[in-house]
N, C-alpha and C. Protein backbone atom coordinates (compact mmCIF):
# COMPACT_ATOMS: atom_id res chain seq x y z
N MET A 1 48.85 200.89 243.69
CA MET A 1 47.89 202.10 243.69
C MET A 1 48.54 203.39 243.59
N SER A 2 48.22 204.20 242.52
CA SER A 2 48.82 205.48 242.70
C SER A 2 48.33 206.32 244.10
N ALA A 3 49.36 207.44 244.38
CA ALA A 3 49.09 208.27 245.39
C ALA A 3 47.54 208.97 245.52
N VAL A 4 47.05 208.81 246.33
CA VAL A 4 45.81 209.62 246.74
C VAL A 4 45.87 210.60 247.71
N THR A 5 44.97 211.52 247.61
CA THR A 5 44.90 212.43 248.67
C THR A 5 44.14 212.03 249.84
N LEU A 6 44.38 212.78 250.86
CA LEU A 6 44.09 212.52 252.25
C LEU A 6 42.36 212.83 252.33
N ASP A 7 41.89 213.88 251.49
CA ASP A 7 40.28 214.05 251.23
C ASP A 7 39.91 212.80 250.50
N GLU A 8 40.58 212.27 249.53
CA GLU A 8 40.06 210.82 248.97
C GLU A 8 39.96 209.75 250.06
N ILE A 9 41.15 209.74 250.83
CA ILE A 9 41.19 208.65 251.72
C ILE A 9 39.91 208.96 252.66
N ASN A 10 39.54 210.05 253.04
CA ASN A 10 38.74 210.30 254.13
C ASN A 10 37.13 209.86 253.55
N ALA A 11 37.15 209.96 252.41
CA ALA A 11 35.75 210.06 251.57
C ALA A 11 35.65 208.54 251.19
N LEU A 12 36.67 207.49 251.27
CA LEU A 12 36.52 206.35 250.91
C LEU A 12 35.40 205.52 251.75
N ASP A 13 34.54 204.44 251.09
CA ASP A 13 33.96 203.52 252.00
C ASP A 13 34.79 202.60 252.73
N GLN A 14 34.47 201.71 253.37
CA GLN A 14 35.37 200.85 254.07
C GLN A 14 36.03 199.83 253.32
N ASP A 15 35.42 199.27 252.43
CA ASP A 15 36.36 198.43 251.47
C ASP A 15 37.24 198.92 250.80
N ALA A 16 36.97 200.33 250.02
CA ALA A 16 38.18 200.95 249.41
C ALA A 16 39.02 201.34 250.31
N PHE A 17 38.82 201.86 251.45
CA PHE A 17 39.70 202.21 252.36
C PHE A 17 40.81 201.05 252.69
N VAL A 18 40.24 200.04 252.68
CA VAL A 18 40.82 198.88 253.06
C VAL A 18 41.72 198.31 251.68
N ALA A 19 41.28 198.50 250.49
CA ALA A 19 41.98 198.12 249.46
C ALA A 19 43.18 199.28 249.50
N ALA A 20 43.16 200.50 249.57
CA ALA A 20 44.23 201.38 249.36
C ALA A 20 45.10 201.22 250.58
N LEU A 21 44.66 201.17 251.90
CA LEU A 21 45.76 201.33 253.00
C LEU A 21 45.88 199.75 253.59
N GLY A 22 45.17 198.96 253.33
CA GLY A 22 45.58 197.43 253.78
C GLY A 22 46.95 197.03 253.70
N PRO A 23 47.67 197.35 252.35
CA PRO A 23 48.96 196.88 252.45
C PRO A 23 50.19 197.65 253.24
N VAL A 24 49.45 198.78 253.80
CA VAL A 24 50.33 199.45 254.77
C VAL A 24 50.97 198.70 255.92
N PHE A 25 50.19 197.79 256.44
CA PHE A 25 50.62 196.86 257.49
C PHE A 25 50.77 195.37 256.78
N GLU A 26 51.92 195.00 256.72
CA GLU A 26 52.11 193.73 256.37
C GLU A 26 51.23 192.61 256.52
N ASN A 27 50.59 192.02 255.50
CA ASN A 27 49.44 190.99 255.60
C ASN A 27 48.55 190.90 256.45
N SER A 28 48.19 192.45 256.68
CA SER A 28 47.06 192.66 258.04
C SER A 28 46.08 193.63 257.54
N PRO A 29 45.32 193.43 256.64
CA PRO A 29 44.15 194.33 256.40
C PRO A 29 43.31 194.67 257.40
N TRP A 30 43.30 194.06 258.35
CA TRP A 30 42.38 194.24 259.29
C TRP A 30 42.71 195.34 260.26
N VAL A 31 44.04 195.85 260.29
CA VAL A 31 44.38 197.11 260.55
C VAL A 31 43.65 198.42 260.06
N ALA A 32 43.69 198.42 258.68
CA ALA A 32 42.86 199.31 257.84
C ALA A 32 41.50 199.41 258.28
N ARG A 33 41.01 198.15 258.13
CA ARG A 33 39.46 198.08 258.65
C ARG A 33 39.11 198.64 259.64
N ALA A 34 39.71 198.42 260.91
CA ALA A 34 39.48 199.18 262.06
C ALA A 34 39.61 200.51 261.99
N ALA A 35 40.70 201.01 261.59
CA ALA A 35 41.27 202.28 261.70
C ALA A 35 40.02 203.08 260.74
N TRP A 36 39.54 202.57 260.09
CA TRP A 36 38.37 203.27 258.95
C TRP A 36 37.66 203.89 260.05
N TYR A 37 37.33 203.51 260.94
CA TYR A 37 36.04 203.99 261.99
C TYR A 37 36.41 205.36 262.68
N SER A 38 37.81 205.74 262.68
CA SER A 38 38.56 206.85 263.04
C SER A 38 38.51 208.25 262.10
N ARG A 39 37.96 207.95 260.93
CA ARG A 39 37.73 208.97 260.07
C ARG A 39 36.92 210.20 260.51
N PRO A 40 36.96 211.59 259.99
CA PRO A 40 38.31 211.97 259.06
C PRO A 40 39.53 212.29 259.75
N PHE A 41 40.60 212.03 259.05
CA PHE A 41 41.91 212.43 259.45
C PHE A 41 42.37 213.84 259.12
N GLU A 42 42.91 214.56 259.96
CA GLU A 42 43.57 215.88 259.38
C GLU A 42 44.74 215.82 258.73
N ASP A 43 45.58 214.47 258.91
CA ASP A 43 46.88 214.54 258.18
C ASP A 43 47.38 213.50 258.29
N VAL A 44 48.35 213.13 257.68
CA VAL A 44 48.79 211.38 257.42
C VAL A 44 49.18 211.19 258.94
N ARG A 45 49.87 211.98 259.91
CA ARG A 45 50.30 211.80 261.00
C ARG A 45 49.12 210.97 261.89
N GLU A 46 48.01 211.76 261.62
CA GLU A 46 46.75 211.32 262.59
C GLU A 46 46.33 210.01 262.05
N LEU A 47 46.41 209.67 260.66
CA LEU A 47 45.92 208.43 260.05
C LEU A 47 46.77 207.63 260.42
N HIS A 48 48.13 207.59 260.81
CA HIS A 48 49.15 206.61 260.91
C HIS A 48 48.96 206.46 262.57
N ARG A 49 48.75 207.30 263.14
CA ARG A 49 48.56 207.08 264.73
C ARG A 49 47.25 206.45 264.49
N ALA A 50 46.38 206.68 264.11
CA ALA A 50 44.90 205.75 264.14
C ALA A 50 45.24 204.28 264.09
N MET A 51 45.88 204.17 262.93
CA MET A 51 46.10 202.89 262.23
C MET A 51 47.14 201.91 263.51
N PHE A 52 48.02 202.69 263.83
CA PHE A 52 48.84 202.01 264.94
C PHE A 52 48.17 201.66 266.02
N ALA A 53 47.26 202.76 266.75
CA ALA A 53 46.55 202.43 267.88
C ALA A 53 45.80 200.97 267.64
N VAL A 54 45.25 200.84 266.61
CA VAL A 54 44.57 199.46 266.22
C VAL A 54 45.63 198.47 266.65
N VAL A 55 46.91 198.38 266.27
CA VAL A 55 47.67 197.42 266.71
C VAL A 55 48.01 197.17 268.18
N GLU A 56 48.07 198.49 268.54
CA GLU A 56 48.35 198.52 269.87
C GLU A 56 47.13 198.17 271.03
N ALA A 57 46.17 198.33 270.39
CA ALA A 57 45.01 197.88 271.25
C ALA A 57 44.63 196.53 271.15
N ALA A 58 45.23 195.78 270.44
CA ALA A 58 45.01 194.31 269.89
C ALA A 58 45.63 193.35 271.30
N ASP A 59 44.99 192.18 271.52
CA ASP A 59 45.55 191.56 272.49
C ASP A 59 46.69 190.90 272.21
N ARG A 60 47.46 190.12 273.02
CA ARG A 60 48.97 189.89 272.83
C ARG A 60 48.94 188.75 271.91
N GLN A 61 48.03 187.84 271.76
CA GLN A 61 48.05 186.92 270.39
C GLN A 61 47.95 187.48 269.23
N THR A 62 46.86 188.36 269.16
CA THR A 62 47.01 188.89 267.93
C THR A 62 48.22 189.74 267.44
N VAL A 63 48.84 190.56 268.51
CA VAL A 63 50.03 191.31 268.06
C VAL A 63 51.19 190.12 267.74
N LEU A 64 51.05 188.99 268.33
CA LEU A 64 52.30 188.09 267.90
C LEU A 64 51.69 187.41 266.50
N ASP A 65 50.47 187.25 266.21
CA ASP A 65 50.16 186.81 264.79
C ASP A 65 50.47 187.88 263.86
N PHE A 66 50.06 189.27 264.35
CA PHE A 66 50.56 190.34 263.50
C PHE A 66 52.28 190.26 262.88
N LEU A 67 52.94 189.97 264.18
CA LEU A 67 54.41 190.10 264.02
C LEU A 67 54.83 188.75 262.87
N ASN A 68 53.97 187.68 263.22
CA ASN A 68 54.40 186.56 262.21
C ASN A 68 53.86 186.58 260.91
N ALA A 69 53.03 187.79 260.59
CA ALA A 69 52.55 188.06 259.18
C ALA A 69 53.82 188.72 258.46
N HIS A 70 54.81 189.05 259.16
CA HIS A 70 55.91 189.80 258.29
C HIS A 70 56.96 188.64 257.74
N PRO A 71 57.50 188.71 256.62
CA PRO A 71 58.40 187.95 256.10
C PRO A 71 59.73 188.06 256.85
N ALA A 72 60.30 186.62 256.83
CA ALA A 72 61.84 186.82 257.34
C ALA A 72 62.49 187.50 256.18
N LEU A 73 63.52 188.05 256.68
CA LEU A 73 64.48 188.88 255.70
C LEU A 73 65.33 187.92 254.79
N ALA A 74 65.12 188.19 253.75
CA ALA A 74 65.63 187.15 252.80
C ALA A 74 65.46 185.91 252.93
N GLY A 75 63.96 185.47 253.44
CA GLY A 75 64.07 184.21 253.86
C GLY A 75 62.92 183.55 252.64
N LYS A 76 62.17 182.41 253.24
CA LYS A 76 61.49 181.55 252.13
C LYS A 76 60.72 182.35 251.37
N GLU A 77 59.78 183.41 251.90
CA GLU A 77 58.98 184.07 250.97
C GLU A 77 59.76 185.00 249.82
N ALA A 78 60.97 185.28 250.43
CA ALA A 78 61.66 186.04 249.29
C ALA A 78 62.10 185.09 248.14
N GLN A 79 62.63 183.89 248.71
CA GLN A 79 63.13 182.99 247.50
C GLN A 79 61.91 182.39 246.86
N ALA A 80 60.95 182.32 247.36
CA ALA A 80 59.68 181.92 246.40
C ALA A 80 58.94 182.73 245.72
N GLY A 81 59.10 184.20 245.84
CA GLY A 81 58.76 185.30 245.24
C GLY A 81 57.04 185.55 245.72
N GLU A 82 57.01 185.31 247.17
CA GLU A 82 55.57 185.37 247.93
C GLU A 82 55.61 186.66 248.84
N MET A 83 56.45 187.35 248.78
CA MET A 83 56.40 188.73 249.72
C MET A 83 55.57 189.71 248.88
N THR A 84 55.02 190.34 249.88
CA THR A 84 54.14 191.75 249.15
C THR A 84 55.29 192.64 248.45
N THR A 85 54.69 193.46 247.47
CA THR A 85 55.19 194.24 246.67
C THR A 85 56.15 195.32 247.56
N GLU A 86 55.27 195.61 248.67
CA GLU A 86 56.02 196.47 249.29
C GLU A 86 57.43 196.17 250.06
N SER A 87 57.16 194.91 250.58
CA SER A 87 58.44 194.22 251.05
C SER A 87 59.32 193.88 250.09
N VAL A 88 59.40 193.63 248.88
CA VAL A 88 60.20 193.42 248.04
C VAL A 88 60.93 194.64 247.76
N GLY A 89 60.45 195.78 247.38
CA GLY A 89 61.07 196.95 247.26
C GLY A 89 61.92 197.21 248.39
N GLU A 90 61.28 196.98 249.52
CA GLU A 90 62.07 197.65 250.74
C GLU A 90 63.44 196.77 250.82
N GLN A 91 63.07 195.44 250.82
CA GLN A 91 64.30 194.41 250.95
C GLN A 91 65.35 194.88 249.84
N ALA A 92 64.91 195.18 248.68
CA ALA A 92 65.83 195.35 247.35
C ALA A 92 66.68 196.66 247.78
N SER A 93 65.98 197.71 248.26
CA SER A 93 66.69 198.85 248.67
C SER A 93 67.89 198.68 249.53
N ALA A 94 67.85 197.55 250.46
CA ALA A 94 68.98 197.43 251.20
C ALA A 94 70.03 196.45 250.59
N GLY A 95 69.72 195.68 249.44
CA GLY A 95 70.54 194.81 248.94
C GLY A 95 70.45 193.47 249.26
N LEU A 96 69.29 193.00 249.82
CA LEU A 96 69.03 191.88 250.41
C LEU A 96 68.40 190.81 249.23
N ASP A 97 68.27 191.38 248.10
CA ASP A 97 67.88 190.65 246.99
C ASP A 97 69.26 190.39 246.21
N ALA A 98 70.40 190.46 246.82
CA ALA A 98 71.54 190.56 246.01
C ALA A 98 72.70 189.79 246.76
N LEU A 99 72.29 188.95 247.87
CA LEU A 99 73.36 188.49 248.83
C LEU A 99 73.95 187.39 248.27
N SER A 100 75.14 187.29 248.91
CA SER A 100 76.19 186.27 248.38
C SER A 100 76.01 184.96 249.26
N PRO A 101 76.28 183.70 248.59
CA PRO A 101 75.80 182.70 249.29
C PRO A 101 76.13 182.78 250.92
N GLU A 102 77.16 182.95 251.36
CA GLU A 102 77.65 183.22 252.60
C GLU A 102 76.79 184.09 253.31
N GLU A 103 76.60 185.21 252.89
CA GLU A 103 75.48 186.25 253.41
C GLU A 103 74.17 185.71 253.60
N PHE A 104 73.78 184.92 252.41
CA PHE A 104 72.22 184.29 252.62
C PHE A 104 72.21 183.33 253.84
N ALA A 105 73.17 182.33 253.68
CA ALA A 105 73.35 181.34 254.96
C ALA A 105 73.48 182.23 256.29
N ARG A 106 74.24 183.32 256.31
CA ARG A 106 74.47 183.82 257.78
C ARG A 106 72.72 184.38 258.17
N ILE A 107 72.10 185.04 257.17
CA ILE A 107 70.90 185.73 257.59
C ILE A 107 70.00 184.47 257.91
N GLY A 108 69.85 183.60 257.14
CA GLY A 108 69.11 182.14 257.44
C GLY A 108 69.27 181.81 258.59
N GLU A 109 70.63 181.74 259.11
CA GLU A 109 71.00 181.30 260.78
C GLU A 109 70.46 182.11 261.52
N LEU A 110 70.73 183.38 261.35
CA LEU A 110 69.91 184.54 262.22
C LEU A 110 68.71 184.50 262.30
N ASN A 111 67.97 184.42 261.16
CA ASN A 111 66.43 184.23 261.21
C ASN A 111 65.91 183.00 262.14
N SER A 112 66.56 181.99 261.79
CA SER A 112 66.18 180.82 262.46
C SER A 112 66.21 180.85 264.16
N THR A 113 67.45 181.35 264.35
CA THR A 113 67.85 181.72 265.86
C THR A 113 66.94 182.61 266.53
N TYR A 114 66.67 183.60 266.09
CA TYR A 114 65.75 184.82 266.27
C TYR A 114 64.27 184.33 266.37
N GLN A 115 63.86 183.69 265.60
CA GLN A 115 62.35 183.20 265.58
C GLN A 115 62.27 182.26 266.69
N ASP A 116 63.04 181.29 266.87
CA ASP A 116 63.09 180.32 267.95
C ASP A 116 63.26 181.02 269.35
N ARG A 117 64.15 181.97 269.50
CA ARG A 117 64.26 182.75 270.55
C ARG A 117 63.13 183.49 271.08
N HIS A 118 62.61 184.25 270.10
CA HIS A 118 61.60 185.17 270.49
C HIS A 118 60.01 184.85 270.08
N GLY A 119 59.82 184.09 269.18
CA GLY A 119 58.62 183.68 268.58
C GLY A 119 57.95 184.35 267.37
N PHE A 120 58.76 185.25 267.12
CA PHE A 120 58.37 186.12 265.76
C PHE A 120 59.65 186.34 265.03
N PRO A 121 59.40 186.85 263.64
CA PRO A 121 60.69 187.21 262.85
C PRO A 121 61.21 188.62 263.46
N PHE A 122 62.56 188.73 262.74
CA PHE A 122 63.28 189.82 263.24
C PHE A 122 62.63 190.67 262.15
N VAL A 123 62.34 192.18 262.73
CA VAL A 123 61.68 193.22 261.71
C VAL A 123 62.65 194.24 261.91
N ILE A 124 62.92 194.82 260.91
CA ILE A 124 63.63 196.24 260.92
C ILE A 124 63.39 196.93 259.71
N ALA A 125 63.24 197.95 259.68
CA ALA A 125 62.69 199.18 258.75
C ALA A 125 64.28 199.33 258.03
N VAL A 126 64.20 198.41 256.72
CA VAL A 126 65.54 198.52 255.87
C VAL A 126 65.82 199.46 254.98
N ARG A 127 64.80 200.45 254.64
CA ARG A 127 65.22 201.87 254.02
C ARG A 127 66.41 202.59 254.79
N GLY A 128 67.19 202.77 254.08
CA GLY A 128 68.40 203.40 254.75
C GLY A 128 69.45 202.64 255.52
N HIS A 129 69.41 201.30 255.46
CA HIS A 129 70.49 200.39 256.08
C HIS A 129 70.80 199.67 254.84
N THR A 130 72.07 199.01 255.10
CA THR A 130 72.98 198.39 254.48
C THR A 130 72.61 196.83 254.61
N LYS A 131 73.27 196.07 253.90
CA LYS A 131 73.40 194.51 254.43
C LYS A 131 74.38 194.65 255.65
N THR A 132 75.34 195.39 255.70
CA THR A 132 76.17 195.58 256.95
C THR A 132 75.35 195.80 258.19
N SER A 133 74.83 196.95 257.92
CA SER A 133 74.03 197.44 259.10
C SER A 133 72.94 196.66 259.48
N ILE A 134 72.20 196.01 258.66
CA ILE A 134 71.25 194.91 259.01
C ILE A 134 71.60 194.01 260.12
N LEU A 135 72.78 193.48 259.23
CA LEU A 135 73.66 192.21 260.05
C LEU A 135 74.06 192.77 261.45
N ALA A 136 74.39 193.85 261.49
CA ALA A 136 74.85 194.45 263.06
C ALA A 136 73.77 194.31 263.87
N GLU A 137 72.59 195.01 263.54
CA GLU A 137 71.18 195.04 264.27
C GLU A 137 70.95 193.78 264.71
N PHE A 138 70.74 192.80 263.59
CA PHE A 138 70.56 191.31 263.69
C PHE A 138 71.22 190.63 264.94
N GLU A 139 72.57 191.06 264.77
CA GLU A 139 73.60 190.26 265.96
C GLU A 139 73.22 191.03 267.22
N ARG A 140 72.92 192.45 267.29
CA ARG A 140 72.71 193.09 268.32
C ARG A 140 71.33 192.72 269.02
N ARG A 141 70.53 192.60 268.44
CA ARG A 141 68.92 192.26 269.02
C ARG A 141 68.51 191.07 269.26
N ILE A 142 69.44 189.88 268.79
CA ILE A 142 69.26 188.50 268.85
C ILE A 142 68.86 187.89 270.03
N GLY A 143 70.03 188.54 271.02
CA GLY A 143 70.13 188.14 272.33
C GLY A 143 69.16 189.07 273.34
N ALA A 144 68.52 189.97 272.81
CA ALA A 144 67.76 190.83 273.81
C ALA A 144 66.50 190.29 274.29
N ASP A 145 65.72 190.55 275.50
CA ASP A 145 64.85 190.29 275.92
C ASP A 145 63.71 190.19 275.17
N THR A 146 62.99 189.35 275.10
CA THR A 146 61.64 189.22 274.06
C THR A 146 60.74 190.24 274.16
N GLU A 147 60.42 190.83 275.42
CA GLU A 147 59.41 191.76 275.60
C GLU A 147 60.23 193.06 274.99
N ALA A 148 61.33 193.26 275.17
CA ALA A 148 61.85 194.32 274.60
C ALA A 148 61.88 194.37 273.09
N GLU A 149 62.29 193.04 272.59
CA GLU A 149 62.14 192.84 271.35
C GLU A 149 60.77 192.99 270.39
N LEU A 150 59.84 192.43 271.31
CA LEU A 150 58.60 192.55 270.85
C LEU A 150 58.33 194.29 270.63
N GLN A 151 58.72 195.18 271.56
CA GLN A 151 58.58 196.65 271.57
C GLN A 151 59.34 197.12 270.45
N ALA A 152 60.54 196.56 270.13
CA ALA A 152 61.46 196.96 269.13
C ALA A 152 60.83 196.51 267.63
N ALA A 153 60.07 195.34 267.78
CA ALA A 153 59.74 195.12 266.16
C ALA A 153 58.72 196.09 265.86
N LEU A 154 57.54 196.50 267.08
CA LEU A 154 56.51 197.40 266.70
C LEU A 154 57.10 198.58 266.33
N ASP A 155 58.22 199.05 267.07
CA ASP A 155 58.88 200.34 266.80
C ASP A 155 58.91 200.34 265.38
N GLN A 156 59.74 199.23 264.90
CA GLN A 156 60.22 199.14 263.33
C GLN A 156 59.05 199.04 262.20
N ILE A 157 58.03 198.49 262.90
CA ILE A 157 56.78 198.48 262.01
C ILE A 157 56.32 199.92 261.89
N ALA A 158 56.17 200.57 263.01
CA ALA A 158 55.86 201.96 263.00
C ALA A 158 56.60 202.80 262.22
N LEU A 159 57.76 202.44 261.61
CA LEU A 159 58.64 203.19 261.04
C LEU A 159 58.31 202.86 259.41
N ILE A 160 58.30 201.39 259.15
CA ILE A 160 58.07 200.78 258.02
C ILE A 160 56.59 201.33 257.42
N SER A 161 55.45 201.41 258.46
CA SER A 161 54.34 201.61 258.17
C SER A 161 53.92 203.11 257.70
N ARG A 162 54.75 203.88 258.32
CA ARG A 162 54.76 205.51 257.99
C ARG A 162 55.40 205.77 256.58
N GLY A 163 56.38 205.01 256.47
CA GLY A 163 57.06 205.36 255.09
C GLY A 163 55.97 204.70 254.26
N ARG A 164 55.19 203.63 254.18
CA ARG A 164 54.47 203.07 253.34
C ARG A 164 53.41 203.87 252.92
N LEU A 165 52.69 204.66 254.19
CA LEU A 165 51.63 205.69 254.04
C LEU A 165 52.18 206.95 253.45
N ASP A 166 53.25 207.43 253.55
CA ASP A 166 54.03 208.37 252.85
C ASP A 166 53.71 208.30 251.52
N ARG A 167 54.19 207.02 250.89
CA ARG A 167 54.22 207.11 249.52
C ARG A 167 52.60 206.74 248.87
N VAL A 168 51.88 206.36 249.66
CA VAL A 168 50.32 206.14 249.16
C VAL A 168 49.48 207.31 249.37
N VAL A 169 49.82 208.09 250.31
CA VAL A 169 48.86 209.39 250.45
C VAL A 169 49.62 210.64 249.83
N ALA A 170 49.13 211.15 249.12
CA ALA A 170 49.77 212.44 248.43
C ALA A 170 49.68 213.74 249.25
N ALA A 171 50.88 214.19 249.33
CA ALA A 171 51.19 215.38 250.32
C ALA A 171 50.10 216.81 249.81
């Protein structure tokens, strides 16, 4: 979708709002559906805050399901071409679409270990990162406490979703 103004966003009915902003949160249009009730928004920051508040108000199982809706970095969704357009572009921006066989195998091992340990995929806002810095973050965060990682994943999703909103809503 091409960029829309905040006035246009505020005027959308719920279905159109979800169609426009549902992709901001990976495979989770329920976030936009619930945030629609907080209209009108004065600025993109307020819109993002309202959307993220929906996630923060969710029960733990919903948050875990939300985290598990995110694709593994360079994982099976990427290989099968099943990632959202947004994720494809984001992962490509960090070179995750051009991994060597060794890098691919290492990320696969890290994905499995992380998922087994924490119960959700490793999430990182990849824009501005390189393959090297992503691997370093993976290595650093894999052994962290699961509660700390859950918060770290949500913090990263806040960065990802704000970037997506900034690309959807015209200044």
